[in-house]
Protein backbone atom coordinates (compact mmCIF):
# COMPACT_ATOMS: atom_id res chain seq x y z
CA UNK A 1 -50.92 -35.45 15.13
CA UNK A 2 -50.48 -35.43 11.44
CA UNK A 3 -48.28 -32.37 11.57
CA UNK A 4 -46.13 -34.06 14.20
CA UNK A 5 -45.53 -37.17 12.29
CA UNK A 6 -45.02 -35.30 8.95
CA UNK A 7 -41.93 -33.75 10.23
CA UNK A 8 -40.45 -37.01 10.82
CA UNK A 9 -41.12 -38.02 7.23
CA UNK A 10 -39.58 -34.58 5.98
CA UNK A 11 -36.20 -34.97 7.81
CA UNK A 12 -36.39 -38.81 7.98
CA UNK A 13 -36.16 -39.13 4.18
CA UNK A 14 -32.36 -38.02 4.76
CA UNK A 15 -31.99 -41.15 6.62
CA UNK A 16 -32.96 -43.62 3.65
CA UNK A 17 -35.72 -45.94 2.77
CA UNK A 18 -36.58 -46.52 6.24
CA UNK A 19 -38.59 -43.27 6.14
CA UNK A 20 -41.18 -44.49 3.95
CA UNK A 21 -42.83 -46.37 6.83
CA UNK A 22 -43.08 -43.24 8.67
CA UNK A 23 -44.37 -41.13 5.51
CA UNK A 24 -47.29 -43.69 4.96
CA UNK A 25 -48.23 -43.17 8.86
CA UNK A 26 -47.88 -39.23 8.84
CA UNK A 27 -49.62 -38.73 5.72
CA UNK A 28 -52.64 -40.94 5.93
CA UNK A 29 -55.86 -39.83 4.95
CA UNK A 30 -57.96 -42.90 6.20
CA UNK A 31 -59.88 -42.67 9.15
CA UNK A 32 -58.13 -45.37 11.22
CA UNK A 33 -54.79 -44.42 10.70
CA UNK A 34 -51.73 -46.65 11.81
CA UNK A 35 -51.43 -47.96 15.49
CA UNK A 36 -48.81 -45.53 16.51
CA UNK A 37 -50.87 -42.64 15.24
CA UNK A 38 -54.07 -43.77 17.15
CA UNK A 39 -51.88 -44.48 20.38
CA UNK A 40 -50.85 -40.62 20.04
CA UNK A 41 -54.58 -39.51 19.40
CA UNK A 42 -55.83 -41.91 22.25
CA UNK A 43 -53.48 -40.86 24.95
CA UNK A 44 -53.60 -37.06 23.67
CA UNK A 45 -57.37 -37.18 24.20
CA UNK A 46 -56.77 -38.67 27.64
CA UNK A 47 -55.01 -35.82 28.72
CA UNK A 48 -55.73 -32.58 26.71
CA UNK A 49 -52.62 -30.10 26.15
CA UNK A 50 -50.15 -32.84 26.57
CA UNK A 51 -48.26 -34.94 24.05
CA UNK A 52 -48.48 -38.57 23.41
CA UNK A 53 -45.07 -39.24 24.58
CA UNK A 54 -43.73 -40.23 27.96
CA UNK A 55 -45.92 -41.07 31.01
CA UNK A 56 -49.26 -40.84 29.37
CA UNK A 57 -48.25 -42.97 26.53
CA UNK A 58 -46.75 -45.65 28.81
CA UNK A 59 -49.81 -45.47 30.89
CA UNK A 60 -52.13 -46.62 28.13
CA UNK A 61 -49.93 -49.42 27.15
CA UNK A 62 -49.75 -50.40 30.85
CA UNK A 63 -53.55 -50.45 30.96
CA UNK A 64 -53.79 -52.75 27.89
CA UNK A 65 -51.07 -54.99 29.27
CA UNK A 66 -52.63 -55.18 32.75
CA UNK A 67 -55.89 -56.07 31.15
CA UNK A 68 -54.23 -58.85 29.18
CA UNK A 69 -52.43 -59.95 32.08
CA UNK A 70 -48.83 -59.64 30.40
CA UNK A 71 -46.05 -57.31 31.49
CA UNK A 72 -45.60 -54.36 29.56
CA UNK A 73 -42.37 -55.14 28.05
CA UNK A 74 -43.96 -58.29 26.63
CA UNK A 75 -46.81 -56.50 25.16
CA UNK A 76 -44.35 -53.78 23.40
CA UNK A 77 -42.34 -56.73 21.96
CA UNK A 78 -45.46 -58.62 20.51
CA UNK A 79 -46.64 -54.84 19.01
CA UNK A 80 -43.06 -54.39 17.40
CA UNK A 81 -43.38 -58.01 15.89
CA UNK A 82 -46.06 -56.65 13.86
CA UNK A 83 -49.23 -57.56 15.93
CA UNK A 84 -51.88 -55.46 17.29
CA UNK A 85 -53.13 -55.15 20.82
CA UNK A 86 -56.16 -57.18 19.94
CA UNK A 87 -54.02 -59.92 18.47
CA UNK A 88 -52.09 -60.19 21.77
CA UNK A 89 -55.20 -60.16 23.78
CA UNK A 90 -56.87 -63.13 21.76
CA UNK A 91 -53.58 -65.01 22.23
CA UNK A 92 -54.17 -64.71 25.97
CA UNK A 93 -57.67 -65.66 25.74
CA UNK A 94 -58.90 -61.93 26.55
CA UNK A 95 -61.60 -60.36 24.48
CA UNK A 96 -60.19 -57.05 22.70
CA UNK A 97 -63.31 -55.52 23.97
CA UNK A 98 -62.24 -55.72 27.29
CA UNK A 99 -59.07 -53.89 26.75
CA UNK A 100 -60.84 -51.23 24.88
CA UNK A 101 -63.18 -50.83 27.98
CA UNK A 102 -60.21 -50.93 30.24
CA UNK A 103 -58.58 -47.97 28.34
CA UNK A 104 -61.85 -46.10 28.07
CA UNK A 105 -62.18 -46.22 31.98
CA UNK A 106 -58.68 -45.38 32.69
CA UNK A 107 -58.88 -42.17 30.36
CA UNK A 108 -62.26 -41.48 31.69
CA UNK A 109 -60.80 -41.53 35.17
CA UNK A 110 -58.13 -39.26 34.16
CA UNK A 111 -60.30 -36.68 32.62
CA UNK A 112 -62.60 -36.61 35.69
CA UNK A 113 -59.35 -35.85 38.06
CA UNK A 114 -58.32 -33.21 35.54
CA UNK A 115 -62.01 -31.59 35.88
CA UNK A 116 -61.82 -31.72 39.68
CA UNK A 117 -58.26 -30.25 39.81
CA UNK A 118 -59.67 -27.28 37.41
CA UNK A 119 -57.18 -28.23 34.64
CA UNK A 120 -59.81 -29.14 32.11
CA UNK A 121 -63.25 -27.75 31.87
CA UNK A 122 -66.48 -29.76 32.07
CA UNK A 123 -67.51 -29.25 28.60
CA UNK A 124 -63.99 -30.06 27.11
CA UNK A 125 -64.14 -33.36 29.16
CA UNK A 126 -67.48 -34.37 27.72
CA UNK A 127 -66.09 -33.74 24.03
CA UNK A 128 -63.05 -35.71 24.79
CA UNK A 129 -65.14 -38.53 26.57
CA UNK A 130 -67.56 -38.85 23.47
CA UNK A 131 -64.29 -39.73 21.29
CA UNK A 132 -62.68 -42.13 23.62
CA UNK A 133 -64.53 -45.43 22.62
CA UNK A 134 -63.74 -44.85 18.91
CA UNK A 135 -60.00 -43.90 19.68
CA UNK A 136 -59.42 -46.74 22.11
CA UNK A 137 -60.99 -49.33 19.53
CA UNK A 138 -58.65 -47.93 16.98
CA UNK A 139 -55.75 -48.08 19.17
CA UNK A 140 -56.18 -51.67 20.18
CA UNK A 141 -56.91 -52.95 16.68
CA UNK A 142 -54.46 -50.82 14.72
CA UNK A 143 -50.79 -52.24 14.20
CA UNK A 144 -47.81 -50.21 14.21
CA UNK A 145 -46.71 -49.19 10.70
CA UNK A 146 -42.92 -49.63 11.16
CA UNK A 147 -43.37 -52.92 13.16
CA UNK A 148 -40.34 -55.01 13.17
CA UNK A 149 -37.91 -51.88 12.77
CA UNK A 150 -37.39 -50.70 16.13
CA UNK A 151 -34.22 -48.81 14.66
CA UNK A 152 -36.13 -47.03 12.06
CA UNK A 153 -36.76 -43.58 14.15
CA UNK A 154 -33.25 -43.73 15.62
CA UNK A 155 -31.95 -44.07 11.91
CA UNK A 156 -34.04 -41.28 10.75
CA UNK A 157 -32.97 -38.76 13.52
CA UNK A 158 -29.45 -39.80 12.88
CA UNK A 159 -29.48 -38.95 9.23
CA UNK A 160 -31.05 -35.52 9.68
CA UNK A 161 -28.42 -34.42 12.34
CA UNK A 162 -25.69 -35.86 10.45
CA UNK A 163 -26.71 -33.50 7.65
CA UNK A 164 -27.02 -30.65 9.95
CA UNK A 165 -23.40 -31.56 11.74
CA UNK A 166 -21.85 -31.59 8.39
CA UNK A 167 -23.14 -28.28 7.42
CA UNK A 168 -21.95 -26.77 10.61
CA UNK A 169 -18.48 -28.39 10.19
CA UNK A 170 -18.64 -30.17 13.51
CA UNK A 171 -18.89 -33.95 14.39
CA UNK A 172 -22.55 -35.53 15.23
CA UNK A 173 -21.60 -36.09 18.97
CA UNK A 174 -20.56 -32.59 19.36
CA UNK A 175 -24.07 -31.40 18.12
CA UNK A 176 -25.83 -33.87 20.14
CA UNK A 177 -23.95 -32.83 23.30
CA UNK A 178 -25.00 -29.31 22.59
CA UNK A 179 -28.47 -30.00 21.85
CA UNK A 180 -28.67 -31.60 25.32
CA UNK A 181 -27.61 -28.46 27.00
CA UNK A 182 -30.71 -26.91 25.73
CA UNK A 183 -29.45 -25.20 22.50
CA UNK A 184 -31.34 -25.58 18.98
CA UNK A 185 -29.67 -26.63 15.89
CA UNK A 186 -29.56 -22.78 15.02
CA UNK A 187 -27.79 -21.85 18.23
CA UNK A 188 -25.32 -24.24 17.62
CA UNK A 189 -24.93 -23.05 14.06
CA UNK A 190 -24.34 -19.45 15.10
CA UNK A 191 -21.63 -20.64 17.87
CA UNK A 192 -19.65 -21.80 14.99
CA UNK A 193 -20.50 -18.76 12.61
CA UNK A 194 -22.73 -20.81 10.34
CA UNK A 195 -25.93 -19.21 9.14
CA UNK A 196 -28.97 -21.30 10.37
CA UNK A 197 -30.48 -20.82 6.91
CA UNK A 198 -27.57 -22.77 5.54
CA UNK A 199 -28.40 -25.82 7.79
CA UNK A 200 -32.05 -25.29 6.71
CA UNK A 201 -31.18 -25.28 3.06
CA UNK A 202 -28.72 -28.36 3.47
CA UNK A 203 -31.55 -30.32 5.16
CA UNK A 204 -34.29 -29.41 2.67
CA UNK A 205 -31.87 -30.37 -0.32
CA UNK A 206 -30.93 -33.74 1.27
CA UNK A 207 -34.70 -34.46 1.64
CA UNK A 208 -35.36 -33.53 -1.98
CA UNK A 209 -32.82 -35.68 -3.33
CA UNK A 210 -33.95 -38.77 -1.07
CA UNK A 211 -37.44 -38.09 -2.45
CA UNK A 212 -36.30 -38.03 -5.79
CA UNK A 213 -34.65 -41.32 -5.29
CA UNK A 214 -37.57 -42.93 -3.74
CA UNK A 215 -39.76 -41.81 -6.61
CA UNK A 216 -37.32 -43.22 -9.11
CA UNK A 217 -37.38 -46.68 -7.36
CA UNK A 218 -41.01 -46.64 -7.26
CA UNK A 219 -41.51 -46.35 -3.48
CA UNK A 220 -43.34 -42.93 -3.49
CA UNK A 221 -45.61 -41.57 -6.33
CA UNK A 222 -45.02 -38.33 -7.85
CA UNK A 223 -48.08 -36.74 -6.02
CA UNK A 224 -46.95 -37.96 -2.76
CA UNK A 225 -43.49 -36.46 -3.17
CA UNK A 226 -44.95 -33.10 -4.38
CA UNK A 227 -47.23 -32.89 -1.19
CA UNK A 228 -44.10 -33.60 0.91
CA UNK A 229 -41.70 -31.15 -0.81
CA UNK A 230 -44.20 -28.39 -0.34
CA UNK A 231 -43.96 -28.89 3.47
CA UNK A 232 -40.05 -29.37 3.63
CA UNK A 233 -39.18 -25.72 4.18
CA UNK A 234 -41.59 -24.96 7.01
CA UNK A 235 -41.16 -28.15 8.67
CA UNK A 236 -37.33 -28.15 8.73
CA UNK A 237 -37.09 -24.63 9.71
CA UNK A 238 -39.21 -25.57 12.84
CA UNK A 239 -36.68 -28.51 13.78
CA UNK A 240 -33.57 -26.44 13.24
CA UNK A 241 -35.09 -23.78 15.65
CA UNK A 242 -36.10 -26.25 18.22
CA UNK A 243 -34.73 -25.97 21.64
CA UNK A 244 -34.42 -28.95 24.19
CA UNK A 245 -34.69 -28.40 28.05
CA UNK A 246 -31.55 -30.25 28.86
CA UNK A 247 -33.49 -33.54 29.71
CA UNK A 248 -33.89 -34.40 26.15
CA UNK A 249 -37.51 -32.99 26.11
CA UNK A 250 -38.85 -30.06 24.19
CA UNK A 251 -38.51 -26.75 25.91
CA UNK A 252 -41.82 -24.92 26.56
CA UNK A 253 -40.90 -22.50 23.87
CA UNK A 254 -40.15 -25.04 21.44
CA UNK A 255 -42.39 -25.87 18.31
CA UNK A 256 -44.34 -29.09 19.11
CA UNK A 257 -44.38 -29.99 15.19
CA UNK A 258 -40.56 -31.13 15.50
CA UNK A 259 -40.14 -34.70 17.21
CA UNK A 260 -36.66 -35.36 17.01
CA UNK A 261 -35.02 -36.14 20.53
CA UNK A 262 -31.22 -36.11 21.10
CA UNK A 263 -32.03 -39.25 23.55
CA UNK A 264 -32.87 -41.15 20.33
CA UNK A 265 -29.12 -40.80 19.24
CA UNK A 266 -27.44 -43.76 20.96
CA UNK A 267 -23.70 -42.99 21.24
C-alpha cells in the first residue's frame, strides 16, 4: 500500500502544494498510518488479491454506516470534514468498538466465503483474520489526511496528465479520451511520434521542480525530498506505461503501483 500511495506523491507534486497531504500519507513510517491508508489495508486484507478500490472499499464504509445507523453518503461527508468513523459513531451514541466488531465480522464472513469457494486457502485466511481487529481499529480511529480537500486527488491527476499532454503536443481532453479506450500514455505518445521516455523525463523534471519549490517554502524537508526524488523515475515510468481497460480501471496487465484514473478527470 505504501508503494501505491507513493506514486500519487511522485506525480501529484506536479499539481501543486495539494500533493503534500498525499506525501504525508504515502511515506508514513508510523504504525497507525492515515485513515485512507488503513481503509486500504483493511479492505485489502478483507479480500486478498484485490485492491482497496471499488466495491470492497464501499462495503467497508457501508458496514460502518449501517452500524452507526446513518446512510453512507452522510458518513462519507463527515469523514471528509475531518472526523474519524469513531467520532461519527460517538455523535450518534454508538460505541466505536461496535463498529470495529461489525467490520471484523463482515471481513471474517467474506474470508470464510472465499475459503469455501476455494479462492483463498485456510492458512492464508487465518493469517488475515489475526490482523483484522487491529486493522479495523486503526480504520475506525484514523482520520483522512486530505480531509476537507475533496478535490486534491482530482487536481493531482489533472496536473500530471497536463504535463504528459503538453509533451505529446495534444490537449488533455484528447489524452484522457485515448486512455479511456484502453491505451497507456506511452501508447498515445507513440501514436504522435513522441518517445515515451520524453514524457517520463518531463514528468520527472516537473516533479523535481515542484519538490524544490516545496523545500524552499519549508513544506518539505531536504531528507523527504531526497527520498521522493529517488523513487520518481521508476514510479513515473509505471504511470506512463499503465493501461486502462476502457472502463477507467487498470487492465490486468497493468502495474498496480500507478493509481491515476481517467475517471477522476472531470470534463
